[in-house]
Amino acid sequence: MTAVLRLTILGSGTSHGIPMIGCDCGVCTSPDSRDRRTRTSALFSFDDRHILIDTSPELRLQCRACDVRTVHAVLFTHHHADHVVGLDDVRRFNWINRAPLDIHADARTLARLEQMFGYAFHDDPEYLSAKPQLVPHEITGPFELFGRTITPIPYMHGPLPVLGFRVGDMAYCPDCNFIPDESRGLLRGLRVLVLDALRRRPHPTHFNLEQAVEEARRIGADRTYFIHIAHELGHAETNAMLPAGMELAYDGLVCS
């Protein structure tokens, strides 16, 4: 049994992944394993239940690397490709659990998933068996999963509304550049915060590192891990200059 709440970072990288195709920069060629970053996703675990956040392009490889044996539900932050295109890999969890898989997202994301993966949502004679068995649920507010309250955290990713998620005293908030006061209030009293921090330079849809540090200070979690990291930020050198209680996440990090 896993009675203690854990948050595992399955992937910590930006939408390109690190190393990037055709790049020979110091981070893309770094020997430090923490600089090798698959696309962003995570896993909440408690009471022998596992809730996946997003289905990244490397989902199968992430599950193998982090010894994820099954998943009992999926939460989606938004519909961008680097967060959803691994959806077909959840077929394996259908087989292991011998059951359909509940997926939870806002209405916009569910509609986009249906567009992108129509065969998984509708009868298709060309996909008689090799498709995910999904039960979609629209997120409209806090809800219960396996005896825990899942609190959605609304914020903005450029022009796109996105959801982070809080479970207990941990919260996962990738892909953001603006958190409204009302949502920030939902993040009080955290032990662990996982927060977007793309790079040092400004970006139109992501916090840069300076903005992320300032937002982390405002939220005031005991410990903050930055995620969705581009190749401008090397793990060791960036951590050396971050304030106490803040550091870059990496693939395979377990927060408990």
C-alpha atoms as a PDB file:
ATOM      1  CA  MET A   1       0.000   0.000   0.000  1.00  0.00           C
ATOM      2  CA  THR A   2       1.081   3.606  -0.675  1.00  0.00           C
ATOM      3  CA  ALA A   3      -0.785   5.489   2.049  1.00  0.00           C
ATOM      4  CA  VAL A   4       1.555   8.486   1.848  1.00  0.00           C
ATOM      5  CA  LEU A   5       0.849  10.874  -1.023  1.00  0.00           C
ATOM      6  CA  ARG A   6       3.610  10.930  -3.626  1.00  0.00           C
ATOM      7  CA  LEU A   7       4.099  12.961  -6.779  1.00  0.00           C
ATOM      8  CA  THR A   8       6.433  11.474  -9.381  1.00  0.00           C
ATOM      9  CA  ILE A   9       7.747  13.637 -12.204  1.00  0.00           C
ATOM     10  CA  LEU A  10       7.617  11.366 -15.244  1.00  0.00           C
ATOM     11  CA  GLY A  11       8.783  14.075 -17.643  1.00  0.00           C
ATOM     12  CA  SER A  12      10.245  17.523 -16.956  1.00  0.00           C
ATOM     13  CA  GLY A  13      10.999  18.891 -20.414  1.00  0.00           C
ATOM     14  CA  THR A  14       9.581  21.415 -22.818  1.00  0.00           C
ATOM     15  CA  SER A  15       7.556  20.489 -25.907  1.00  0.00           C
ATOM     16  CA  HIS A  16      10.693  19.646 -27.928  1.00  0.00           C
ATOM     17  CA  GLY A  17      12.175  17.361 -25.280  1.00  0.00           C
ATOM     18  CA  ILE A  18      15.858  17.451 -24.312  1.00  0.00           C
ATOM     19  CA  PRO A  19      18.128  16.740 -26.122  1.00  0.00           C
ATOM     20  CA  MET A  20      16.480  18.545 -29.020  1.00  0.00           C
ATOM     21  CA  ILE A  21      16.747  17.246 -32.557  1.00  0.00           C
ATOM     22  CA  GLY A  22      19.839  18.655 -34.253  1.00  0.00           C
ATOM     23  CA  CYS A  23      21.144  20.603 -31.244  1.00  0.00           C
ATOM     24  CA  ASP A  24      24.673  20.284 -29.853  1.00  0.00           C
ATOM     25  CA  CYS A  25      24.431  22.869 -27.063  1.00  0.00           C
ATOM     26  CA  GLY A  26      25.898  22.196 -23.640  1.00  0.00           C
ATOM     27  CA  VAL A  27      22.606  21.017 -22.155  1.00  0.00           C
ATOM     28  CA  CYS A  28      21.595  18.825 -25.109  1.00  0.00           C
ATOM     29  CA  THR A  29      24.999  17.103 -24.948  1.00  0.00           C
ATOM     30  CA  SER A  30      25.286  17.120 -21.145  1.00  0.00           C
ATOM     31  CA  PRO A  31      26.455  13.913 -19.414  1.00  0.00           C
ATOM     32  CA  ASP A  32      24.193  14.756 -16.454  1.00  0.00           C
ATOM     33  CA  SER A  33      21.148  12.468 -16.673  1.00  0.00           C
ATOM     34  CA  ARG A  34      19.023  15.211 -15.097  1.00  0.00           C
ATOM     35  CA  ASP A  35      19.496  17.256 -18.280  1.00  0.00           C
ATOM     36  CA  ARG A  36      17.772  14.547 -20.364  1.00  0.00           C
ATOM     37  CA  ARG A  37      14.133  15.575 -20.234  1.00  0.00           C
ATOM     38  CA  THR A  38      11.120  13.900 -21.758  1.00  0.00           C
ATOM     39  CA  ARG A  39       7.903  15.822 -22.278  1.00  0.00           C
ATOM     40  CA  THR A  40       6.074  17.006 -19.171  1.00  0.00           C
ATOM     41  CA  SER A  41       3.828  14.613 -17.229  1.00  0.00           C
ATOM     42  CA  ALA A  42       3.434  13.395 -13.651  1.00  0.00           C
ATOM     43  CA  LEU A  43       1.811  10.794 -11.404  1.00  0.00           C
ATOM     44  CA  PHE A  44       0.001  11.194  -8.079  1.00  0.00           C
ATOM     45  CA  SER A  45       0.125   7.984  -6.001  1.00  0.00           C
ATOM     46  CA  PHE A  46      -1.680   7.125  -2.753  1.00  0.00           C
ATOM     47  CA  ASP A  47      -3.411   4.115  -1.188  1.00  0.00           C
ATOM     48  CA  ASP A  48      -2.197   1.887  -4.032  1.00  0.00           C
ATOM     49  CA  ARG A  49      -3.915   4.136  -6.582  1.00  0.00           C
ATOM     50  CA  HIS A  50      -2.137   6.026  -9.344  1.00  0.00           C
ATOM     51  CA  ILE A  51      -3.473   9.120 -11.120  1.00  0.00           C
ATOM     52  CA  LEU A  52      -1.644  10.159 -14.277  1.00  0.00           C
ATOM     53  CA  ILE A  53      -1.462  13.819 -15.275  1.00  0.00           C
ATOM     54  CA  ASP A  54      -1.297  14.170 -19.063  1.00  0.00           C
ATOM     55  CA  THR A  55      -0.263  11.566 -21.623  1.00  0.00           C
ATOM     56  CA  SER A  56       3.029  12.754 -23.069  1.00  0.00           C
ATOM     57  CA  PRO A  57       4.571  11.464 -26.327  1.00  0.00           C
ATOM     58  CA  GLU A  58       7.007   9.337 -24.262  1.00  0.00           C
ATOM     59  CA  LEU A  59       4.386   7.894 -21.904  1.00  0.00           C
ATOM     60  CA  ARG A  60       5.378   4.256 -22.445  1.00  0.00           C
ATOM     61  CA  LEU A  61       9.071   5.019 -21.939  1.00  0.00           C
ATOM     62  CA  GLN A  62       8.338   7.141 -18.867  1.00  0.00           C
ATOM     63  CA  CYS A  63       6.316   4.335 -17.290  1.00  0.00           C
ATOM     64  CA  ARG A  64       9.129   1.880 -17.935  1.00  0.00           C
ATOM     65  CA  ALA A  65      11.758   4.261 -16.553  1.00  0.00           C
ATOM     66  CA  CYS A  66       9.760   5.020 -13.378  1.00  0.00           C
ATOM     67  CA  ASP A  67       8.368   1.491 -12.908  1.00  0.00           C
ATOM     68  CA  VAL A  68       4.757   2.611 -13.283  1.00  0.00           C
ATOM     69  CA  ARG A  69       2.847  -0.687 -13.405  1.00  0.00           C
ATOM     70  CA  THR A  70      -0.651   0.704 -13.830  1.00  0.00           C
ATOM     71  CA  VAL A  71      -2.763   3.855 -13.804  1.00  0.00           C
ATOM     72  CA  HIS A  72      -6.309   4.148 -12.451  1.00  0.00           C
ATOM     73  CA  ALA A  73      -7.338   7.569 -13.851  1.00  0.00           C
ATOM     74  CA  VAL A  74      -5.957  10.377 -16.010  1.00  0.00           C
ATOM     75  CA  LEU A  75      -6.186  14.141 -15.471  1.00  0.00           C
ATOM     76  CA  PHE A  76      -5.511  16.471 -18.403  1.00  0.00           C
ATOM     77  CA  THR A  77      -4.179  19.988 -17.943  1.00  0.00           C
ATOM     78  CA  HIS A  78      -4.932  21.043 -21.546  1.00  0.00           C
ATOM     79  CA  HIS A  79      -4.937  19.750 -25.111  1.00  0.00           C
ATOM     80  CA  HIS A  80      -1.532  20.789 -26.490  1.00  0.00           C
ATOM     81  CA  ALA A  81       0.189  17.967 -28.350  1.00  0.00           C
ATOM     82  CA  ASP A  82       3.076  17.495 -25.922  1.00  0.00           C
ATOM     83  CA  HIS A  83       0.525  16.769 -23.175  1.00  0.00           C
ATOM     84  CA  VAL A  84      -1.864  14.423 -24.994  1.00  0.00           C
ATOM     85  CA  VAL A  85      -0.413  12.560 -27.968  1.00  0.00           C
ATOM     86  CA  GLY A  86       0.585   9.539 -25.863  1.00  0.00           C
ATOM     87  CA  LEU A  87      -3.079   8.798 -25.120  1.00  0.00           C
ATOM     88  CA  ASP A  88      -3.085   5.579 -27.132  1.00  0.00           C
ATOM     89  CA  ASP A  89      -0.539   4.087 -24.714  1.00  0.00           C
ATOM     90  CA  VAL A  90      -3.192   3.877 -21.977  1.00  0.00           C
ATOM     91  CA  ARG A  91      -4.533   0.782 -23.772  1.00  0.00           C
ATOM     92  CA  ARG A  92      -2.027  -1.140 -21.700  1.00  0.00           C
ATOM     93  CA  PHE A  93      -3.703   0.049 -18.484  1.00  0.00           C
ATOM     94  CA  ASN A  94      -7.067  -1.116 -19.830  1.00  0.00           C
ATOM     95  CA  TRP A  95      -5.577  -4.569 -20.263  1.00  0.00           C
ATOM     96  CA  ILE A  96      -3.866  -4.638 -16.853  1.00  0.00           C
ATOM     97  CA  ASN A  97      -6.925  -3.344 -14.976  1.00  0.00           C
ATOM     98  CA  ARG A  98      -9.432  -5.240 -17.130  1.00  0.00           C
ATOM     99  CA  ALA A  99     -11.534  -2.070 -17.160  1.00  0.00           C
ATOM    100  CA  PRO A 100     -12.072   1.189 -19.038  1.00  0.00           C
ATOM    101  CA  LEU A 101     -10.032   4.160 -17.852  1.00  0.00           C
ATOM    102  CA  ASP A 102     -11.605   7.322 -16.452  1.00  0.00           C
ATOM    103  CA  ILE A 103     -10.194  10.509 -17.973  1.00  0.00           C
ATOM    104  CA  HIS A 104     -10.909  13.951 -16.506  1.00  0.00           C
ATOM    105  CA  ALA A 105     -10.542  17.289 -18.309  1.00  0.00           C
ATOM    106  CA  ASP A 106     -12.355  20.544 -18.915  1.00  0.00           C
ATOM    107  CA  ALA A 107     -14.898  20.752 -21.746  1.00  0.00           C
ATOM    108  CA  ARG A 108     -12.453  22.365 -24.194  1.00  0.00           C
ATOM    109  CA  THR A 109      -9.841  19.661 -23.677  1.00  0.00           C
ATOM    110  CA  LEU A 110     -12.351  16.800 -23.922  1.00  0.00           C
ATOM    111  CA  ALA A 111     -13.625  18.208 -27.220  1.00  0.00           C
ATOM    112  CA  ARG A 112     -10.084  18.472 -28.615  1.00  0.00           C
ATOM    113  CA  LEU A 113      -9.237  14.951 -27.465  1.00  0.00           C
ATOM    114  CA  GLU A 114     -12.313  13.669 -29.280  1.00  0.00           C
ATOM    115  CA  GLN A 115     -11.179  15.494 -32.434  1.00  0.00           C
ATOM    116  CA  MET A 116      -7.636  14.182 -32.205  1.00  0.00           C
ATOM    117  CA  PHE A 117      -8.460  10.620 -31.125  1.00  0.00           C
ATOM    118  CA  GLY A 118     -11.889  10.068 -32.660  1.00  0.00           C
ATOM    119  CA  TYR A 119     -11.333   6.315 -32.917  1.00  0.00           C
ATOM    120  CA  ALA A 120     -11.038   6.125 -29.114  1.00  0.00           C
ATOM    121  CA  PHE A 121     -14.331   7.935 -28.526  1.00  0.00           C
ATOM    122  CA  HIS A 122     -16.529   6.418 -31.258  1.00  0.00           C
ATOM    123  CA  ASP A 123     -17.166   3.052 -32.870  1.00  0.00           C
ATOM    124  CA  ASP A 124     -14.785   2.622 -35.782  1.00  0.00           C
ATOM    125  CA  PRO A 125     -14.718  -0.601 -37.843  1.00  0.00           C
ATOM    126  CA  GLU A 126     -11.019  -0.060 -38.505  1.00  0.00           C
ATOM    127  CA  TYR A 127     -10.320  -0.099 -34.741  1.00  0.00           C
ATOM    128  CA  LEU A 128     -12.226  -3.095 -33.432  1.00  0.00           C
ATOM    129  CA  SER A 129      -9.903  -3.753 -30.495  1.00  0.00           C
ATOM    130  CA  ALA A 130      -6.620  -1.827 -30.679  1.00  0.00           C
ATOM    131  CA  LYS A 131      -7.891   1.376 -29.103  1.00  0.00           C
ATOM    132  CA  PRO A 132      -8.122   2.874 -25.613  1.00  0.00           C
ATOM    133  CA  GLN A 133     -11.279   2.218 -23.627  1.00  0.00           C
ATOM    134  CA  LEU A 134     -12.055   5.596 -22.065  1.00  0.00           C
ATOM    135  CA  VAL A 135     -14.749   7.057 -19.823  1.00  0.00           C
ATOM    136  CA  PRO A 136     -14.616  10.869 -20.152  1.00  0.00           C
ATOM    137  CA  HIS A 137     -15.591  13.155 -17.266  1.00  0.00           C
ATOM    138  CA  GLU A 138     -15.852  16.942 -17.519  1.00  0.00           C
ATOM    139  CA  ILE A 139     -14.109  18.875 -14.748  1.00  0.00           C
ATOM    140  CA  THR A 140     -16.318  21.691 -13.453  1.00  0.00           C
ATOM    141  CA  GLY A 141     -14.872  22.038  -9.939  1.00  0.00           C
ATOM    142  CA  PRO A 142     -13.298  19.964  -7.163  1.00  0.00           C
ATOM    143  CA  PHE A 143     -14.136  16.261  -7.267  1.00  0.00           C
ATOM    144  CA  GLU A 144     -13.315  13.029  -5.474  1.00  0.00           C
ATOM    145  CA  LEU A 145     -11.097  10.219  -6.744  1.00  0.00           C
ATOM    146  CA  PHE A 146     -10.349   7.167  -4.619  1.00  0.00           C
ATOM    147  CA  GLY A 147     -11.157   9.015  -1.413  1.00  0.00           C
ATOM    148  CA  ARG A 148      -9.058  12.105  -2.178  1.00  0.00           C
ATOM    149  CA  THR A 149     -10.220  15.558  -3.236  1.00  0.00           C
ATOM    150  CA  ILE A 150      -8.844  16.709  -6.585  1.00  0.00           C
ATOM    151  CA  THR A 151      -8.866  20.503  -6.747  1.00  0.00           C
ATOM    152  CA  PRO A 152      -8.471  21.996 -10.237  1.00  0.00           C
ATOM    153  CA  ILE A 153      -6.406  25.196 -10.345  1.00  0.00           C
ATOM    154  CA  PRO A 154      -7.460  27.455 -13.257  1.00  0.00           C
ATOM    155  CA  TYR A 155      -4.791  29.701 -14.796  1.00  0.00           C
ATOM    156  CA  MET A 156      -3.639  30.961 -18.183  1.00  0.00           C
ATOM    157  CA  HIS A 157      -1.117  29.590 -20.674  1.00  0.00           C
ATOM    158  CA  GLY A 158      -0.968  32.599 -22.975  1.00  0.00           C
ATOM    159  CA  PRO A 159      -4.526  32.853 -24.398  1.00  0.00           C
ATOM    160  CA  LEU A 160      -5.447  29.298 -23.354  1.00  0.00           C
ATOM    161  CA  PRO A 161      -7.186  28.455 -20.056  1.00  0.00           C
ATOM    162  CA  VAL A 162      -5.364  25.548 -18.399  1.00  0.00           C
ATOM    163  CA  LEU A 163      -5.891  23.482 -15.249  1.00  0.00           C
ATOM    164  CA  GLY A 164      -3.290  22.613 -12.653  1.00  0.00           C
ATOM    165  CA  PHE A 165      -4.208  20.143  -9.925  1.00  0.00           C
ATOM    166  CA  ARG A 166      -3.917  20.062  -6.155  1.00  0.00           C
ATOM    167  CA  VAL A 167      -4.108  16.841  -4.146  1.00  0.00           C
ATOM    168  CA  GLY A 168      -3.615  17.225  -0.402  1.00  0.00           C
ATOM    169  CA  ASP A 169      -0.615  19.478   0.204  1.00  0.00           C
ATOM    170  CA  MET A 170       0.888  19.006  -3.265  1.00  0.00           C
ATOM    171  CA  ALA A 171       0.093  20.879  -6.473  1.00  0.00           C
ATOM    172  CA  TYR A 172       1.151  20.446 -10.080  1.00  0.00           C
ATOM    173  CA  CYS A 173       0.988  23.545 -12.313  1.00  0.00           C
ATOM    174  CA  PRO A 174       2.796  23.257 -15.662  1.00  0.00           C
ATOM    175  CA  ASP A 175       2.334  25.479 -18.710  1.00  0.00           C
ATOM    176  CA  CYS A 176       1.358  28.814 -17.198  1.00  0.00           C
ATOM    177  CA  ASN A 177       2.254  32.474 -17.412  1.00  0.00           C
ATOM    178  CA  PHE A 178      -0.518  33.984 -15.275  1.00  0.00           C
ATOM    179  CA  ILE A 179      -2.155  32.723 -12.083  1.00  0.00           C
ATOM    180  CA  PRO A 180      -5.143  34.809 -10.920  1.00  0.00           C
ATOM    181  CA  ASP A 181      -5.519  35.718  -7.261  1.00  0.00           C
ATOM    182  CA  GLU A 182      -8.478  33.375  -6.797  1.00  0.00           C
ATOM    183  CA  SER A 183      -6.442  30.430  -8.054  1.00  0.00           C
ATOM    184  CA  ARG A 184      -3.413  31.464  -6.037  1.00  0.00           C
ATOM    185  CA  GLY A 185      -5.636  31.235  -2.977  1.00  0.00           C
ATOM    186  CA  LEU A 186      -6.207  27.556  -3.795  1.00  0.00           C
ATOM    187  CA  LEU A 187      -2.447  27.030  -3.529  1.00  0.00           C
ATOM    188  CA  ARG A 188      -1.973  28.194   0.055  1.00  0.00           C
ATOM    189  CA  GLY A 189      -0.432  25.837   2.600  1.00  0.00           C
ATOM    190  CA  LEU A 190       1.410  23.636   0.119  1.00  0.00           C
ATOM    191  CA  ARG A 191       4.269  21.386   1.072  1.00  0.00           C
ATOM    192  CA  VAL A 192       5.221  20.771  -2.579  1.00  0.00           C
ATOM    193  CA  LEU A 193       4.554  22.950  -5.630  1.00  0.00           C
ATOM    194  CA  VAL A 194       5.546  21.954  -9.164  1.00  0.00           C
ATOM    195  CA  LEU A 195       5.527  25.067 -11.356  1.00  0.00           C
ATOM    196  CA  ASP A 196       6.286  26.024 -14.949  1.00  0.00           C
ATOM    197  CA  ALA A 197       9.678  27.689 -15.640  1.00  0.00           C
ATOM    198  CA  LEU A 198      10.680  27.458 -19.283  1.00  0.00           C
ATOM    199  CA  ARG A 199      13.921  29.428 -19.639  1.00  0.00           C
ATOM    200  CA  ARG A 200      15.657  32.700 -18.660  1.00  0.00           C
ATOM    201  CA  ARG A 201      14.345  34.796 -21.557  1.00  0.00           C
ATOM    202  CA  PRO A 202      10.710  35.974 -21.541  1.00  0.00           C
ATOM    203  CA  HIS A 203       8.138  33.848 -23.361  1.00  0.00           C
ATOM    204  CA  PRO A 204       4.565  34.740 -24.390  1.00  0.00           C
ATOM    205  CA  THR A 205       2.916  31.663 -22.844  1.00  0.00           C
ATOM    206  CA  HIS A 206       5.248  30.374 -20.110  1.00  0.00           C
ATOM    207  CA  PHE A 207       6.815  31.786 -16.962  1.00  0.00           C
ATOM    208  CA  ASN A 208      10.500  32.398 -17.442  1.00  0.00           C
ATOM    209  CA  LEU A 209      12.758  31.503 -14.534  1.00  0.00           C
ATOM    210  CA  GLU A 210      12.640  34.944 -12.910  1.00  0.00           C
ATOM    211  CA  GLN A 211       8.844  35.070 -13.109  1.00  0.00           C
ATOM    212  CA  ALA A 212       8.537  31.523 -11.779  1.00  0.00           C
ATOM    213  CA  VAL A 213      10.734  32.300  -8.772  1.00  0.00           C
ATOM    214  CA  GLU A 214       8.637  35.371  -7.987  1.00  0.00           C
ATOM    215  CA  GLU A 215       5.388  33.407  -8.327  1.00  0.00           C
ATOM    216  CA  ALA A 216       6.792  30.636  -6.129  1.00  0.00           C
ATOM    217  CA  ARG A 217       7.628  33.214  -3.459  1.00  0.00           C
ATOM    218  CA  ARG A 218       4.076  34.573  -3.604  1.00  0.00           C
ATOM    219  CA  ILE A 219       2.562  31.101  -3.240  1.00  0.00           C
ATOM    220  CA  GLY A 220       4.951  30.179  -0.435  1.00  0.00           C
ATOM    221  CA  ALA A 221       5.147  26.394  -0.685  1.00  0.00           C
ATOM    222  CA  ASP A 222       7.681  24.669   1.550  1.00  0.00           C
ATOM    223  CA  ARG A 223       9.413  23.361  -1.564  1.00  0.00           C
ATOM    224  CA  THR A 224       9.035  24.313  -5.232  1.00  0.00           C
ATOM    225  CA  TYR A 225      10.200  22.310  -8.233  1.00  0.00           C
ATOM    226  CA  PHE A 226      10.307  23.944 -11.656  1.00  0.00           C
ATOM    227  CA  ILE A 227       9.184  22.006 -14.715  1.00  0.00           C
ATOM    228  CA  HIS A 228       8.679  22.222 -18.504  1.00  0.00           C
ATOM    229  CA  ILE A 229      12.346  23.164 -18.813  1.00  0.00           C
ATOM    230  CA  ALA A 230      14.014  24.155 -22.094  1.00  0.00           C
ATOM    231  CA  HIS A 231      17.627  23.553 -23.096  1.00  0.00           C
ATOM    232  CA  GLU A 232      18.713  27.016 -21.949  1.00  0.00           C
ATOM    233  CA  LEU A 233      18.670  25.779 -18.333  1.00  0.00           C
ATOM    234  CA  GLY A 234      21.277  23.245 -17.253  1.00  0.00           C
ATOM    235  CA  HIS A 235      20.281  21.361 -14.125  1.00  0.00           C
ATOM    236  CA  ALA A 236      23.332  21.766 -11.890  1.00  0.00           C
ATOM    237  CA  GLU A 237      24.242  25.340 -12.789  1.00  0.00           C
ATOM    238  CA  THR A 238      20.641  26.565 -12.528  1.00  0.00           C
ATOM    239  CA  ASN A 239      20.067  24.913  -9.159  1.00  0.00           C
ATOM    240  CA  ALA A 240      23.239  26.532  -7.839  1.00  0.00           C
ATOM    241  CA  MET A 241      21.737  30.006  -8.290  1.00  0.00           C
ATOM    242  CA  LEU A 242      18.137  29.347  -7.203  1.00  0.00           C
ATOM    243  CA  PRO A 243      16.823  30.487  -3.796  1.00  0.00           C
ATOM    244  CA  ALA A 244      16.627  28.011  -0.934  1.00  0.00           C
ATOM    245  CA  GLY A 245      13.640  25.706  -1.236  1.00  0.00           C
ATOM    246  CA  MET A 246      13.498  25.953  -5.042  1.00  0.00           C
ATOM    247  CA  GLU A 247      15.099  23.729  -7.659  1.00  0.00           C
ATOM    248  CA  LEU A 248      14.627  22.306 -11.127  1.00  0.00           C
ATOM    249  CA  ALA A 249      12.687  19.074 -11.364  1.00  0.00           C
ATOM    250  CA  TYR A 250      14.046  16.145 -13.360  1.00  0.00           C
ATOM    251  CA  ASP A 251      12.646  12.989 -14.898  1.00  0.00           C
ATOM    252  CA  GLY A 252      12.068  10.400 -12.182  1.00  0.00           C
ATOM    253  CA  LEU A 253      11.984  12.846  -9.251  1.00  0.00           C
ATOM    254  CA  VAL A 254       9.714  11.578  -6.459  1.00  0.00           C
ATOM    255  CA  CYS A 255       8.178  14.137  -4.090  1.00  0.00           C
ATOM    256  CA  SER A 256       6.722  12.711  -0.879  1.00  0.00           C
END
